[in-house]
N, C-alpha and C. Protein backbone atom coordinates (compact mmCIF):
# COMPACT_ATOMS: atom_id res chain seq x y z
N MET A 1 -106.42 5.35 -121.32
CA MET A 1 -107.42 6.51 -120.36
C MET A 1 -106.31 7.91 -120.29
N LYS A 2 -105.06 7.54 -120.36
CA LYS A 2 -104.12 8.51 -120.48
C LYS A 2 -103.98 9.72 -121.57
N GLY A 3 -104.41 8.90 -122.88
CA GLY A 3 -104.95 9.41 -124.16
C GLY A 3 -106.36 10.31 -124.05
N TYR A 4 -107.25 9.56 -122.90
CA TYR A 4 -108.54 10.31 -123.36
C TYR A 4 -108.37 11.47 -122.38
N LEU A 5 -107.50 11.40 -121.18
CA LEU A 5 -107.57 12.65 -120.55
C LEU A 5 -107.25 13.87 -121.43
N VAL A 6 -106.11 13.46 -122.36
CA VAL A 6 -105.69 14.60 -123.00
C VAL A 6 -106.96 15.17 -124.09
N TRP A 7 -107.57 14.22 -124.51
CA TRP A 7 -108.81 14.29 -125.50
C TRP A 7 -109.91 15.21 -125.05
N GLN A 8 -109.96 15.05 -123.38
CA GLN A 8 -111.02 15.68 -122.92
C GLN A 8 -110.63 17.25 -122.80
N TRP A 9 -109.39 17.42 -122.58
CA TRP A 9 -108.35 18.64 -122.37
C TRP A 9 -108.48 19.35 -123.77
N LEU A 10 -108.30 18.69 -124.71
CA LEU A 10 -108.51 19.28 -125.96
C LEU A 10 -109.83 19.32 -126.51
N ARG A 11 -110.57 18.58 -126.55
CA ARG A 11 -112.11 18.40 -127.11
C ARG A 11 -113.09 19.06 -126.63
N ASP A 12 -113.31 18.68 -125.13
CA ASP A 12 -114.37 19.41 -124.19
C ASP A 12 -114.10 20.24 -123.33
N GLY A 13 -112.79 20.87 -123.57
CA GLY A 13 -112.60 22.15 -122.73
C GLY A 13 -112.18 21.83 -121.07
N LYS A 14 -112.07 20.61 -120.74
CA LYS A 14 -111.56 20.41 -119.57
C LYS A 14 -110.08 21.11 -119.01
N SER A 15 -110.07 21.21 -117.80
CA SER A 15 -108.93 22.17 -117.21
C SER A 15 -107.61 21.56 -117.55
N ASN A 16 -106.86 22.60 -117.25
CA ASN A 16 -105.18 21.75 -117.87
C ASN A 16 -104.91 20.87 -117.18
N TRP A 17 -105.48 20.55 -115.74
CA TRP A 17 -105.05 19.49 -114.52
C TRP A 17 -105.23 18.13 -115.49
N TYR A 18 -106.29 18.07 -116.51
CA TYR A 18 -106.57 17.16 -117.34
C TYR A 18 -105.40 16.60 -118.57
N CYS A 19 -104.68 17.71 -118.78
CA CYS A 19 -103.54 17.66 -120.10
C CYS A 19 -102.57 17.31 -119.07
N SER A 20 -102.34 17.99 -117.98
CA SER A 20 -101.37 17.48 -117.29
C SER A 20 -101.32 16.03 -116.67
N ALA A 21 -102.27 15.53 -116.59
CA ALA A 21 -102.26 14.29 -115.97
C ALA A 21 -102.31 13.10 -116.67
N GLY A 22 -103.03 13.45 -118.13
CA GLY A 22 -102.57 12.77 -119.21
C GLY A 22 -101.21 12.73 -119.67
N ASP A 23 -100.42 14.10 -119.70
CA ASP A 23 -98.88 14.24 -119.93
C ASP A 23 -98.19 13.01 -119.20
N ILE A 24 -98.28 13.23 -117.99
CA ILE A 24 -97.52 11.96 -116.93
C ILE A 24 -97.94 10.92 -117.11
N GLY A 25 -99.03 10.61 -117.35
CA GLY A 25 -99.57 9.16 -117.85
C GLY A 25 -98.78 8.63 -118.93
N LEU A 26 -98.83 9.44 -120.00
CA LEU A 26 -98.48 9.18 -121.43
C LEU A 26 -96.46 8.93 -120.88
N ILE A 27 -95.96 9.92 -120.76
CA ILE A 27 -94.44 9.75 -119.97
C ILE A 27 -94.13 8.54 -119.47
N ILE A 28 -95.04 8.39 -118.40
CA ILE A 28 -94.64 7.04 -117.68
C ILE A 28 -94.73 5.79 -118.44
N TYR A 29 -95.93 6.12 -119.10
CA TYR A 29 -96.19 4.41 -120.36
C TYR A 29 -94.94 4.66 -121.24
N GLY A 30 -94.20 5.48 -121.74
CA GLY A 30 -92.97 5.77 -122.46
C GLY A 30 -92.10 5.11 -121.61
N VAL A 31 -91.97 5.54 -120.58
CA VAL A 31 -90.41 5.25 -119.89
C VAL A 31 -90.44 3.81 -119.18
N VAL A 32 -91.69 3.35 -118.76
CA VAL A 32 -91.36 2.34 -117.77
C VAL A 32 -90.91 1.28 -118.77
N PRO A 33 -91.50 0.79 -120.13
CA PRO A 33 -90.65 -0.44 -120.57
C PRO A 33 -89.12 -0.17 -120.77
N THR A 34 -88.84 0.86 -120.79
CA THR A 34 -87.32 1.22 -121.25
C THR A 34 -86.45 0.57 -119.99
N GLN A 35 -87.14 0.62 -118.93
CA GLN A 35 -86.60 0.38 -117.56
C GLN A 35 -86.53 -1.35 -117.00
N GLN A 36 -87.31 -1.90 -118.63
CA GLN A 36 -87.40 -3.34 -117.97
C GLN A 36 -86.32 -4.30 -118.21
N PRO A 37 -86.05 -5.01 -117.66
CA PRO A 37 -84.87 -6.16 -118.01
C PRO A 37 -85.14 -6.80 -119.42
N LEU A 38 -83.84 -6.84 -120.32
CA LEU A 38 -84.23 -7.45 -121.53
C LEU A 38 -84.44 -8.94 -121.32
N SER A 39 -85.17 -9.51 -121.91
CA SER A 39 -85.50 -11.10 -122.06
C SER A 39 -86.34 -11.45 -123.17
N ASP A 40 -86.21 -12.56 -123.44
CA ASP A 40 -86.96 -13.19 -124.44
C ASP A 40 -88.68 -12.92 -124.32
N SER A 41 -88.76 -13.15 -123.07
CA SER A 41 -90.40 -13.15 -122.60
C SER A 41 -90.67 -11.35 -122.35
N PHE A 42 -90.16 -10.21 -122.47
CA PHE A 42 -90.54 -8.94 -122.50
C PHE A 42 -91.05 -8.81 -123.55
N GLY A 43 -90.52 -8.86 -124.60
CA GLY A 43 -90.90 -8.56 -126.02
C GLY A 43 -92.21 -9.08 -126.31
N ARG A 44 -92.35 -10.64 -125.69
CA ARG A 44 -93.85 -10.99 -125.93
C ARG A 44 -95.08 -10.49 -125.40
N VAL A 45 -94.54 -10.39 -123.89
CA VAL A 45 -95.41 -9.29 -123.05
C VAL A 45 -96.20 -7.96 -123.50
N TYR A 46 -94.60 -7.14 -124.10
CA TYR A 46 -95.01 -5.97 -124.60
C TYR A 46 -95.67 -5.82 -125.84
N ALA A 47 -95.44 -7.12 -126.65
CA ALA A 47 -96.67 -7.06 -127.81
C ALA A 47 -97.83 -7.51 -127.64
N THR A 48 -98.09 -8.57 -126.38
CA THR A 48 -99.54 -8.66 -126.19
C THR A 48 -99.95 -7.43 -125.37
N TYR A 49 -99.29 -6.52 -124.78
CA TYR A 49 -99.84 -5.37 -124.58
C TYR A 49 -100.48 -4.87 -125.26
N GLY A 50 -99.72 -4.78 -126.53
CA GLY A 50 -100.62 -3.87 -128.03
C GLY A 50 -101.65 -4.65 -128.43
N GLU A 51 -101.96 -5.66 -128.78
CA GLU A 51 -102.94 -6.40 -128.79
C GLU A 51 -104.21 -6.08 -127.79
N ILE A 52 -103.62 -6.17 -126.65
CA ILE A 52 -104.79 -6.34 -125.60
C ILE A 52 -105.70 -4.78 -125.72
N PHE A 53 -104.41 -3.90 -126.18
CA PHE A 53 -105.04 -2.61 -126.08
C PHE A 53 -105.93 -2.36 -127.25
N ILE A 54 -105.66 -2.88 -128.27
CA ILE A 54 -107.00 -3.10 -129.22
C ILE A 54 -108.28 -3.33 -128.98
N VAL A 55 -107.96 -4.60 -128.35
CA VAL A 55 -109.51 -5.20 -128.06
C VAL A 55 -110.23 -4.38 -126.59
N LEU A 56 -109.42 -3.65 -126.20
CA LEU A 56 -109.94 -2.83 -124.90
C LEU A 56 -110.27 -1.47 -125.67
N SER A 57 -109.61 -1.05 -126.43
CA SER A 57 -110.21 0.35 -127.42
C SER A 57 -111.50 0.20 -127.85
N LEU A 58 -111.87 -1.17 -128.66
CA LEU A 58 -113.15 -1.36 -129.06
C LEU A 58 -114.26 -1.48 -127.99
N LEU A 59 -113.77 -1.90 -126.53
CA LEU A 59 -114.87 -2.17 -125.73
C LEU A 59 -114.99 -0.65 -124.99
N TRP A 60 -113.80 0.11 -125.05
CA TRP A 60 -114.19 1.48 -124.76
C TRP A 60 -115.07 2.16 -125.51
N ARG A 61 -114.59 2.16 -126.84
CA ARG A 61 -115.62 2.67 -127.73
C ARG A 61 -117.12 2.37 -127.70
N TRP A 62 -117.34 1.09 -127.43
CA TRP A 62 -118.87 0.54 -127.17
C TRP A 62 -119.22 1.12 -126.06
N LYS A 63 -118.58 0.96 -124.72
CA LYS A 63 -119.28 0.84 -123.55
C LYS A 63 -119.00 2.88 -123.20
N ILE A 64 -118.46 3.37 -123.41
CA ILE A 64 -118.16 4.59 -123.02
C ILE A 64 -118.44 5.69 -123.93
N ASP A 65 -118.29 5.22 -125.05
CA ASP A 65 -118.54 6.70 -126.21
C ASP A 65 -119.70 6.17 -126.93
N ASN A 66 -120.40 4.97 -126.60
CA ASN A 66 -121.71 4.37 -127.19
C ASN A 66 -121.41 4.40 -128.84
N VAL A 67 -120.41 3.78 -129.26
CA VAL A 67 -120.55 4.02 -130.71
C VAL A 67 -120.18 2.12 -131.05
N PHE A 68 -121.25 1.65 -131.74
CA PHE A 68 -121.03 0.07 -131.84
C PHE A 68 -119.72 0.02 -133.39
N SER A 69 -119.06 -0.95 -132.92
CA SER A 69 -118.08 -1.47 -134.10
C SER A 69 -118.80 -1.98 -135.45
N ASP A 70 -118.17 -1.86 -136.44
CA ASP A 70 -118.62 -2.59 -137.67
C ASP A 70 -117.73 -4.00 -137.36
N LYS A 71 -118.20 -4.96 -138.46
CA LYS A 71 -117.71 -5.91 -138.61
C LYS A 71 -116.45 -6.53 -138.80
N PHE A 72 -115.67 -5.15 -139.60
CA PHE A 72 -114.23 -5.11 -139.88
C PHE A 72 -113.59 -4.87 -138.24
N ASP A 73 -114.04 -3.88 -137.69
CA ASP A 73 -113.70 -3.87 -136.35
C ASP A 73 -113.48 -5.09 -135.09
N LEU A 74 -114.71 -5.75 -135.48
CA LEU A 74 -114.75 -7.00 -134.66
C LEU A 74 -113.77 -8.09 -135.37
N ILE A 75 -113.67 -7.96 -136.75
CA ILE A 75 -112.92 -9.01 -137.03
C ILE A 75 -111.33 -8.96 -136.53
N GLY A 76 -110.95 -7.30 -136.81
CA GLY A 76 -109.57 -7.03 -136.65
C GLY A 76 -109.26 -7.43 -134.97
N GLY A 77 -110.45 -7.13 -134.22
CA GLY A 77 -110.32 -7.48 -132.56
C GLY A 77 -110.19 -8.91 -132.44
N VAL A 78 -110.60 -9.74 -132.88
CA VAL A 78 -110.58 -11.21 -133.04
C VAL A 78 -109.10 -11.84 -133.54
N ILE A 79 -108.84 -11.07 -134.79
CA ILE A 79 -107.67 -11.59 -134.98
C ILE A 79 -106.36 -11.18 -134.00
N SER A 80 -106.63 -9.81 -133.55
CA SER A 80 -105.51 -9.48 -132.47
C SER A 80 -105.86 -10.16 -131.27
N PHE A 81 -106.75 -10.84 -130.61
CA PHE A 81 -107.09 -11.73 -129.44
C PHE A 81 -106.25 -12.94 -129.76
N ILE A 82 -106.95 -13.41 -131.24
CA ILE A 82 -105.97 -15.05 -131.49
C ILE A 82 -104.38 -14.39 -131.46
N ASP A 83 -103.81 -13.29 -132.16
CA ASP A 83 -102.47 -13.28 -132.03
C ASP A 83 -101.79 -13.31 -130.62
N VAL A 84 -102.73 -12.61 -129.56
CA VAL A 84 -102.19 -12.91 -127.96
C VAL A 84 -102.04 -14.09 -127.90
N LEU A 85 -103.08 -14.88 -128.05
CA LEU A 85 -102.81 -16.21 -127.85
C LEU A 85 -101.79 -17.03 -128.45
N VAL A 86 -101.84 -16.83 -129.66
CA VAL A 86 -100.25 -17.03 -130.64
C VAL A 86 -98.97 -16.88 -129.83
N ILE A 87 -99.00 -15.49 -129.48
CA ILE A 87 -97.59 -15.15 -129.04
C ILE A 87 -96.87 -15.75 -127.60
N MET A 88 -98.55 -15.83 -126.88
CA MET A 88 -98.41 -16.17 -125.53
C MET A 88 -98.09 -17.73 -125.27
N TYR A 89 -98.83 -18.52 -125.77
CA TYR A 89 -99.03 -19.97 -125.23
C TYR A 89 -98.54 -20.69 -126.79
N TYR A 90 -98.12 -20.30 -128.10
CA TYR A 90 -97.80 -21.28 -128.45
C TYR A 90 -96.45 -21.93 -128.16
N PRO A 91 -96.11 -23.40 -128.18
CA PRO A 91 -95.34 -23.99 -127.63
C PRO A 91 -94.26 -23.89 -128.33
N ARG A 92 -92.76 -23.57 -127.64
CA ARG A 92 -91.57 -22.87 -128.23
C ARG A 92 -90.84 -24.21 -128.00
N GLY A 93 -89.64 -24.65 -128.80
CA GLY A 93 -88.84 -25.58 -128.31
C GLY A 93 -87.40 -25.18 -128.43
């Protein structure tokens, strides 16, 4: 959503408030992870967030932009989702 606000400002001529809101969101997005305690699980959660972002981007493209993904986008989304399952739930010993 943060990047989309900047997109609307640049591409759709929305007001500077869109840019400002997007900028603030992107700054928070970059700062918050640096404030988290270091642990083994934080890296997995952060990686998982990235994978989920991929899947949500494909859904956004379909539902908001009305652009249907091709088979390679869908295959990549499935691979990302499987990656989330492996990162989060594979037994560690």
